């Protein structure tokens, strides 16, 4: 018996995009492609597409439409709800946003937060002494903790290098940048790194304003100075 309890489960698949021909069926085929890409089986796709047409429906309504049990329908609805693609209003289920919008604004943050939590717990299992001795790097989800780590490497005579993963401060597009740390500070909390192009990039927390990168993950490595 597994020692873990599963709260939510997602499967992401990289599959070829559908052909745009014939045009008459492209809209449905691309939606099924998107749903399949995030791990949803064909019957779940059927239910999602039908809900799009009727705008609102209960598990009982869907069971009658697809001639399957309410329990089986509920399993498909739970998968859609876990992925953030549908909402509940009482006993009824509705689709509030376009599929692409739901994936961007609901599913991706859920998956990202889960992965960030995993990285944070795992990185926290190692002591700072082990981290700085092995110089393998450590992941942080909090800019304040990352600044403490950088300052500790500086204090030990090392040169920290940061890889920041997040979104651009002015466009919210995904970005990843890496380079040595020029400086860091707390007013507001930020880390300045030198990119491969030689530019200074200001990295802040997810809610920081006026920074080049709003980071959700900061990986720090320390290199000992000769």
C-alpha atoms as a PDB file:
ATOM      1  CA  UNK A   1       0.000   0.000   0.000  1.00  0.00           C
ATOM      2  CA  UNK A   2       1.376   3.427  -0.915  1.00  0.00           C
ATOM      3  CA  UNK A   3       2.334   5.789   1.881  1.00  0.00           C
ATOM      4  CA  UNK A   4       1.025   8.735  -0.160  1.00  0.00           C
ATOM      5  CA  UNK A   5      -2.483  10.090  -0.567  1.00  0.00           C
ATOM      6  CA  UNK A   6      -3.154  11.590  -4.011  1.00  0.00           C
ATOM      7  CA  UNK A   7      -4.951  14.946  -3.838  1.00  0.00           C
ATOM      8  CA  UNK A   8      -4.803  15.679  -7.565  1.00  0.00           C
ATOM      9  CA  UNK A   9      -3.153  14.135 -10.598  1.00  0.00           C
ATOM     10  CA  UNK A  10      -2.235  15.643 -13.960  1.00  0.00           C
ATOM     11  CA  UNK A  11      -0.743  14.065 -17.077  1.00  0.00           C
ATOM     12  CA  UNK A  12       0.834  16.212 -19.762  1.00  0.00           C
ATOM     13  CA  UNK A  13       1.568  14.759 -23.215  1.00  0.00           C
ATOM     14  CA  UNK A  14       3.455  16.292 -26.148  1.00  0.00           C
ATOM     15  CA  UNK A  15       1.565  15.187 -29.266  1.00  0.00           C
ATOM     16  CA  UNK A  16       1.555  16.481 -32.871  1.00  0.00           C
ATOM     17  CA  UNK A  17      -0.849  19.322 -33.595  1.00  0.00           C
ATOM     18  CA  UNK A  18      -3.901  18.382 -35.662  1.00  0.00           C
ATOM     19  CA  UNK A  19      -4.070  19.150 -39.357  1.00  0.00           C
ATOM     20  CA  UNK A  20      -6.070  22.253 -40.265  1.00  0.00           C
ATOM     21  CA  UNK A  21      -7.849  20.310 -42.978  1.00  0.00           C
ATOM     22  CA  UNK A  22     -10.708  19.684 -43.236  1.00  0.00           C
ATOM     23  CA  UNK A  23     -11.565  23.136 -41.934  1.00  0.00           C
ATOM     24  CA  UNK A  24     -15.133  22.120 -41.041  1.00  0.00           C
ATOM     25  CA  UNK A  25     -13.966  19.892 -38.170  1.00  0.00           C
ATOM     26  CA  UNK A  26     -10.787  21.744 -37.177  1.00  0.00           C
ATOM     27  CA  UNK A  27     -12.308  23.585 -34.212  1.00  0.00           C
ATOM     28  CA  UNK A  28     -13.466  20.397 -32.507  1.00  0.00           C
ATOM     29  CA  UNK A  29     -10.300  18.481 -33.421  1.00  0.00           C
ATOM     30  CA  UNK A  30      -8.014  21.135 -31.949  1.00  0.00           C
ATOM     31  CA  UNK A  31     -10.039  21.164 -28.730  1.00  0.00           C
ATOM     32  CA  UNK A  32      -9.779  17.383 -28.489  1.00  0.00           C
ATOM     33  CA  UNK A  33      -6.049  17.689 -29.174  1.00  0.00           C
ATOM     34  CA  UNK A  34      -5.699  20.196 -26.326  1.00  0.00           C
ATOM     35  CA  UNK A  35      -7.739  18.047 -23.948  1.00  0.00           C
ATOM     36  CA  UNK A  36      -5.765  14.947 -24.885  1.00  0.00           C
ATOM     37  CA  UNK A  37      -2.512  16.862 -24.374  1.00  0.00           C
ATOM     38  CA  UNK A  38      -3.438  17.461 -20.730  1.00  0.00           C
ATOM     39  CA  UNK A  39      -4.240  13.794 -20.219  1.00  0.00           C
ATOM     40  CA  UNK A  40      -8.033  13.699 -20.579  1.00  0.00           C
ATOM     41  CA  UNK A  41      -9.502  10.585 -22.200  1.00  0.00           C
ATOM     42  CA  UNK A  42     -11.996  10.548 -25.062  1.00  0.00           C
ATOM     43  CA  UNK A  43     -15.163  10.202 -22.974  1.00  0.00           C
ATOM     44  CA  UNK A  44     -14.056  13.107 -20.776  1.00  0.00           C
ATOM     45  CA  UNK A  45     -13.525  15.129 -23.942  1.00  0.00           C
ATOM     46  CA  UNK A  46     -17.044  14.202 -25.109  1.00  0.00           C
ATOM     47  CA  UNK A  47     -18.540  15.481 -21.868  1.00  0.00           C
ATOM     48  CA  UNK A  48     -16.548  18.734 -21.992  1.00  0.00           C
ATOM     49  CA  UNK A  49     -17.609  19.467 -25.584  1.00  0.00           C
ATOM     50  CA  UNK A  50     -21.234  18.677 -24.776  1.00  0.00           C
ATOM     51  CA  UNK A  51     -21.160  20.970 -21.738  1.00  0.00           C
ATOM     52  CA  UNK A  52     -19.881  23.722 -24.027  1.00  0.00           C
ATOM     53  CA  UNK A  53     -23.011  23.334 -26.148  1.00  0.00           C
ATOM     54  CA  UNK A  54     -25.619  23.156 -23.361  1.00  0.00           C
ATOM     55  CA  UNK A  55     -23.802  25.689 -21.101  1.00  0.00           C
ATOM     56  CA  UNK A  56     -24.900  23.966 -17.867  1.00  0.00           C
ATOM     57  CA  UNK A  57     -25.720  20.383 -16.854  1.00  0.00           C
ATOM     58  CA  UNK A  58     -25.872  18.005 -13.886  1.00  0.00           C
ATOM     59  CA  UNK A  59     -24.253  14.593 -13.584  1.00  0.00           C
ATOM     60  CA  UNK A  60     -27.710  13.076 -13.997  1.00  0.00           C
ATOM     61  CA  UNK A  61     -28.305  15.030 -17.240  1.00  0.00           C
ATOM     62  CA  UNK A  62     -24.975  13.861 -18.648  1.00  0.00           C
ATOM     63  CA  UNK A  63     -25.540  10.255 -17.574  1.00  0.00           C
ATOM     64  CA  UNK A  64     -28.771  10.179 -19.575  1.00  0.00           C
ATOM     65  CA  UNK A  65     -27.168  11.833 -22.597  1.00  0.00           C
ATOM     66  CA  UNK A  66     -24.211   9.414 -22.757  1.00  0.00           C
ATOM     67  CA  UNK A  67     -26.101   6.377 -21.406  1.00  0.00           C
ATOM     68  CA  UNK A  68     -23.605   5.652 -18.652  1.00  0.00           C
ATOM     69  CA  UNK A  69     -23.854   5.613 -14.862  1.00  0.00           C
ATOM     70  CA  UNK A  70     -23.889   8.757 -12.769  1.00  0.00           C
ATOM     71  CA  UNK A  71     -20.792   7.451 -10.959  1.00  0.00           C
ATOM     72  CA  UNK A  72     -18.888   7.152 -14.231  1.00  0.00           C
ATOM     73  CA  UNK A  73     -19.960  10.635 -15.311  1.00  0.00           C
ATOM     74  CA  UNK A  74     -18.891  12.004 -11.947  1.00  0.00           C
ATOM     75  CA  UNK A  75     -15.408  10.590 -12.470  1.00  0.00           C
ATOM     76  CA  UNK A  76     -15.076  12.444 -15.787  1.00  0.00           C
ATOM     77  CA  UNK A  77     -16.439  15.651 -14.243  1.00  0.00           C
ATOM     78  CA  UNK A  78     -13.954  15.362 -11.381  1.00  0.00           C
ATOM     79  CA  UNK A  79     -11.106  15.161 -13.911  1.00  0.00           C
ATOM     80  CA  UNK A  80     -12.347  18.296 -15.671  1.00  0.00           C
ATOM     81  CA  UNK A  81     -12.843  20.108 -12.373  1.00  0.00           C
ATOM     82  CA  UNK A  82      -9.375  19.148 -11.103  1.00  0.00           C
ATOM     83  CA  UNK A  83      -7.880  20.528 -14.315  1.00  0.00           C
ATOM     84  CA  UNK A  84      -9.745  23.811 -13.732  1.00  0.00           C
ATOM     85  CA  UNK A  85     -11.796  23.513 -16.926  1.00  0.00           C
ATOM     86  CA  UNK A  86     -15.280  23.539 -15.338  1.00  0.00           C
ATOM     87  CA  UNK A  87     -16.976  25.048 -12.289  1.00  0.00           C
ATOM     88  CA  UNK A  88     -19.795  23.879 -10.035  1.00  0.00           C
ATOM     89  CA  UNK A  89     -22.998  25.776  -9.263  1.00  0.00           C
ATOM     90  CA  UNK A  90     -24.957  23.686  -6.809  1.00  0.00           C
ATOM     91  CA  UNK A  91     -25.426  20.314  -8.531  1.00  0.00           C
ATOM     92  CA  UNK A  92     -24.768  21.720 -11.989  1.00  0.00           C
ATOM     93  CA  UNK A  93     -21.494  22.070 -13.882  1.00  0.00           C
ATOM     94  CA  UNK A  94     -20.638  24.995 -16.158  1.00  0.00           C
ATOM     95  CA  UNK A  95     -17.810  26.183 -18.392  1.00  0.00           C
ATOM     96  CA  UNK A  96     -16.942  29.804 -17.608  1.00  0.00           C
ATOM     97  CA  UNK A  97     -13.906  30.395 -19.816  1.00  0.00           C
ATOM     98  CA  UNK A  98     -12.496  29.350 -23.163  1.00  0.00           C
ATOM     99  CA  UNK A  99     -10.400  26.189 -22.998  1.00  0.00           C
ATOM    100  CA  UNK A 100      -7.096  27.980 -23.648  1.00  0.00           C
ATOM    101  CA  UNK A 101      -7.893  30.570 -20.976  1.00  0.00           C
ATOM    102  CA  UNK A 102      -8.701  27.887 -18.394  1.00  0.00           C
ATOM    103  CA  UNK A 103      -5.445  26.072 -19.146  1.00  0.00           C
ATOM    104  CA  UNK A 104      -3.437  29.294 -18.845  1.00  0.00           C
ATOM    105  CA  UNK A 105      -5.130  30.824 -15.814  1.00  0.00           C
ATOM    106  CA  UNK A 106      -6.101  27.719 -13.838  1.00  0.00           C
ATOM    107  CA  UNK A 107      -4.286  24.541 -14.812  1.00  0.00           C
ATOM    108  CA  UNK A 108      -0.786  25.952 -15.294  1.00  0.00           C
ATOM    109  CA  UNK A 109      -0.772  27.753 -11.889  1.00  0.00           C
ATOM    110  CA  UNK A 110      -1.992  24.545 -10.184  1.00  0.00           C
ATOM    111  CA  UNK A 111       0.753  22.437 -11.762  1.00  0.00           C
ATOM    112  CA  UNK A 112       3.403  25.109 -11.189  1.00  0.00           C
ATOM    113  CA  UNK A 113       2.480  25.521  -7.522  1.00  0.00           C
ATOM    114  CA  UNK A 114       2.601  21.747  -7.010  1.00  0.00           C
ATOM    115  CA  UNK A 115       6.048  21.452  -8.606  1.00  0.00           C
ATOM    116  CA  UNK A 116       7.283  24.475  -6.649  1.00  0.00           C
ATOM    117  CA  UNK A 117       6.102  22.868  -3.393  1.00  0.00           C
ATOM    118  CA  UNK A 118       7.878  19.631  -4.279  1.00  0.00           C
ATOM    119  CA  UNK A 119      11.127  21.493  -5.030  1.00  0.00           C
ATOM    120  CA  UNK A 120      10.867  23.524  -1.829  1.00  0.00           C
ATOM    121  CA  UNK A 121      10.328  20.480   0.387  1.00  0.00           C
ATOM    122  CA  UNK A 122      13.147  18.552  -1.254  1.00  0.00           C
ATOM    123  CA  UNK A 123      15.602  21.446  -1.105  1.00  0.00           C
ATOM    124  CA  UNK A 124      14.698  22.039   2.538  1.00  0.00           C
ATOM    125  CA  UNK A 125      15.719  18.483   3.394  1.00  0.00           C
ATOM    126  CA  UNK A 126      19.377  19.378   2.983  1.00  0.00           C
ATOM    127  CA  UNK A 127      21.289  21.495   5.453  1.00  0.00           C
ATOM    128  CA  UNK A 128      22.919  24.742   4.404  1.00  0.00           C
ATOM    129  CA  UNK A 129      26.255  23.196   5.298  1.00  0.00           C
ATOM    130  CA  UNK A 130      25.729  20.374   2.783  1.00  0.00           C
ATOM    131  CA  UNK A 131      24.489  22.855   0.199  1.00  0.00           C
ATOM    132  CA  UNK A 132      27.490  25.139   0.390  1.00  0.00           C
ATOM    133  CA  UNK A 133      29.964  22.268   0.665  1.00  0.00           C
ATOM    134  CA  UNK A 134      28.743  20.386  -2.418  1.00  0.00           C
ATOM    135  CA  UNK A 135      27.917  23.531  -4.424  1.00  0.00           C
ATOM    136  CA  UNK A 136      25.169  21.630  -6.308  1.00  0.00           C
ATOM    137  CA  UNK A 137      22.619  24.373  -5.968  1.00  0.00           C
ATOM    138  CA  UNK A 138      19.376  24.870  -4.131  1.00  0.00           C
ATOM    139  CA  UNK A 139      15.904  25.935  -5.271  1.00  0.00           C
ATOM    140  CA  UNK A 140      13.903  28.682  -3.565  1.00  0.00           C
ATOM    141  CA  UNK A 141      10.362  29.917  -4.114  1.00  0.00           C
ATOM    142  CA  UNK A 142      10.798  32.929  -1.808  1.00  0.00           C
ATOM    143  CA  UNK A 143      13.002  35.854  -2.879  1.00  0.00           C
ATOM    144  CA  UNK A 144      13.850  36.691   0.750  1.00  0.00           C
ATOM    145  CA  UNK A 145      15.231  33.204   1.401  1.00  0.00           C
ATOM    146  CA  UNK A 146      17.176  33.382  -1.867  1.00  0.00           C
ATOM    147  CA  UNK A 147      18.787  36.669  -0.792  1.00  0.00           C
ATOM    148  CA  UNK A 148      19.829  35.094   2.520  1.00  0.00           C
ATOM    149  CA  UNK A 149      21.466  32.228   0.602  1.00  0.00           C
ATOM    150  CA  UNK A 150      23.312  34.644  -1.724  1.00  0.00           C
ATOM    151  CA  UNK A 151      24.591  36.685   1.190  1.00  0.00           C
ATOM    152  CA  UNK A 152      25.770  33.523   2.945  1.00  0.00           C
ATOM    153  CA  UNK A 153      27.763  32.497  -0.124  1.00  0.00           C
ATOM    154  CA  UNK A 154      29.291  35.993  -0.282  1.00  0.00           C
ATOM    155  CA  UNK A 155      30.122  35.767   3.430  1.00  0.00           C
ATOM    156  CA  UNK A 156      31.927  32.486   2.865  1.00  0.00           C
ATOM    157  CA  UNK A 157      34.014  34.071   0.115  1.00  0.00           C
ATOM    158  CA  UNK A 158      32.107  32.548  -2.756  1.00  0.00           C
ATOM    159  CA  UNK A 159      30.389  33.907  -5.856  1.00  0.00           C
ATOM    160  CA  UNK A 160      26.699  32.981  -6.159  1.00  0.00           C
ATOM    161  CA  UNK A 161      25.119  32.243  -9.519  1.00  0.00           C
ATOM    162  CA  UNK A 162      21.351  32.492  -9.926  1.00  0.00           C
ATOM    163  CA  UNK A 163      18.965  30.864 -12.409  1.00  0.00           C
ATOM    164  CA  UNK A 164      15.547  32.525 -12.189  1.00  0.00           C
ATOM    165  CA  UNK A 165      12.389  31.050 -13.715  1.00  0.00           C
ATOM    166  CA  UNK A 166       9.266  33.186 -13.904  1.00  0.00           C
ATOM    167  CA  UNK A 167       7.605  35.817 -16.054  1.00  0.00           C
ATOM    168  CA  UNK A 168       8.779  39.107 -17.525  1.00  0.00           C
ATOM    169  CA  UNK A 169       7.751  42.015 -15.348  1.00  0.00           C
ATOM    170  CA  UNK A 170       6.320  44.040 -18.230  1.00  0.00           C
ATOM    171  CA  UNK A 171       4.673  41.322 -20.364  1.00  0.00           C
ATOM    172  CA  UNK A 172       3.988  38.338 -18.063  1.00  0.00           C
ATOM    173  CA  UNK A 173       5.534  36.032 -20.656  1.00  0.00           C
ATOM    174  CA  UNK A 174       7.494  33.020 -19.392  1.00  0.00           C
ATOM    175  CA  UNK A 175      11.214  33.637 -19.090  1.00  0.00           C
ATOM    176  CA  UNK A 176      14.341  31.981 -17.703  1.00  0.00           C
ATOM    177  CA  UNK A 177      17.581  33.833 -17.057  1.00  0.00           C
ATOM    178  CA  UNK A 178      20.879  32.840 -15.455  1.00  0.00           C
ATOM    179  CA  UNK A 179      24.063  34.610 -14.420  1.00  0.00           C
ATOM    180  CA  UNK A 180      26.364  35.647 -11.569  1.00  0.00           C
ATOM    181  CA  UNK A 181      24.918  37.840  -8.818  1.00  0.00           C
ATOM    182  CA  UNK A 182      26.021  41.482  -8.945  1.00  0.00           C
ATOM    183  CA  UNK A 183      24.175  42.502  -5.777  1.00  0.00           C
ATOM    184  CA  UNK A 184      21.016  41.912  -3.792  1.00  0.00           C
ATOM    185  CA  UNK A 185      18.936  43.887  -1.324  1.00  0.00           C
ATOM    186  CA  UNK A 186      15.680  44.215   0.574  1.00  0.00           C
ATOM    187  CA  UNK A 187      14.205  47.536  -0.489  1.00  0.00           C
ATOM    188  CA  UNK A 188      12.158  45.866  -1.986  1.00  0.00           C
ATOM    189  CA  UNK A 189      13.650  42.332  -1.995  1.00  0.00           C
ATOM    190  CA  UNK A 190      15.567  41.816  -5.242  1.00  0.00           C
ATOM    191  CA  UNK A 191      18.608  40.152  -6.782  1.00  0.00           C
ATOM    192  CA  UNK A 192      20.582  41.700  -9.637  1.00  0.00           C
ATOM    193  CA  UNK A 193      22.285  39.213 -11.946  1.00  0.00           C
ATOM    194  CA  UNK A 194      24.478  39.647 -15.015  1.00  0.00           C
ATOM    195  CA  UNK A 195      22.990  37.807 -18.018  1.00  0.00           C
ATOM    196  CA  UNK A 196      24.940  36.103 -20.807  1.00  0.00           C
ATOM    197  CA  UNK A 197      24.563  39.271 -22.890  1.00  0.00           C
ATOM    198  CA  UNK A 198      26.140  41.346 -20.118  1.00  0.00           C
ATOM    199  CA  UNK A 199      22.901  43.108 -19.160  1.00  0.00           C
ATOM    200  CA  UNK A 200      21.849  43.595 -15.562  1.00  0.00           C
ATOM    201  CA  UNK A 201      18.588  41.791 -14.814  1.00  0.00           C
ATOM    202  CA  UNK A 202      16.605  42.629 -11.678  1.00  0.00           C
ATOM    203  CA  UNK A 203      14.841  39.578 -10.225  1.00  0.00           C
ATOM    204  CA  UNK A 204      12.044  39.960  -7.680  1.00  0.00           C
ATOM    205  CA  UNK A 205       9.253  37.929  -6.112  1.00  0.00           C
ATOM    206  CA  UNK A 206       6.046  36.940  -7.894  1.00  0.00           C
ATOM    207  CA  UNK A 207       4.192  40.033  -6.657  1.00  0.00           C
ATOM    208  CA  UNK A 208       7.082  42.464  -7.036  1.00  0.00           C
ATOM    209  CA  UNK A 209       6.636  45.595  -9.121  1.00  0.00           C
ATOM    210  CA  UNK A 210       9.251  47.320 -11.261  1.00  0.00           C
ATOM    211  CA  UNK A 211      11.466  44.270 -11.790  1.00  0.00           C
ATOM    212  CA  UNK A 212      12.636  42.617 -14.992  1.00  0.00           C
ATOM    213  CA  UNK A 213      11.688  39.100 -13.866  1.00  0.00           C
ATOM    214  CA  UNK A 214       9.004  38.056 -11.388  1.00  0.00           C
ATOM    215  CA  UNK A 215      10.459  34.708 -10.325  1.00  0.00           C
ATOM    216  CA  UNK A 216       8.542  31.734  -9.003  1.00  0.00           C
ATOM    217  CA  UNK A 217      11.686  29.588  -8.754  1.00  0.00           C
ATOM    218  CA  UNK A 218      15.228  30.747  -7.963  1.00  0.00           C
ATOM    219  CA  UNK A 219      18.070  28.233  -8.132  1.00  0.00           C
ATOM    220  CA  UNK A 220      21.338  29.323  -6.512  1.00  0.00           C
ATOM    221  CA  UNK A 221      24.774  27.819  -6.907  1.00  0.00           C
ATOM    222  CA  UNK A 222      27.852  28.915  -5.014  1.00  0.00           C
ATOM    223  CA  UNK A 223      31.315  28.927  -6.497  1.00  0.00           C
ATOM    224  CA  UNK A 224      34.319  29.225  -4.228  1.00  0.00           C
ATOM    225  CA  UNK A 225      36.711  32.049  -5.062  1.00  0.00           C
ATOM    226  CA  UNK A 226      40.338  31.114  -5.539  1.00  0.00           C
END
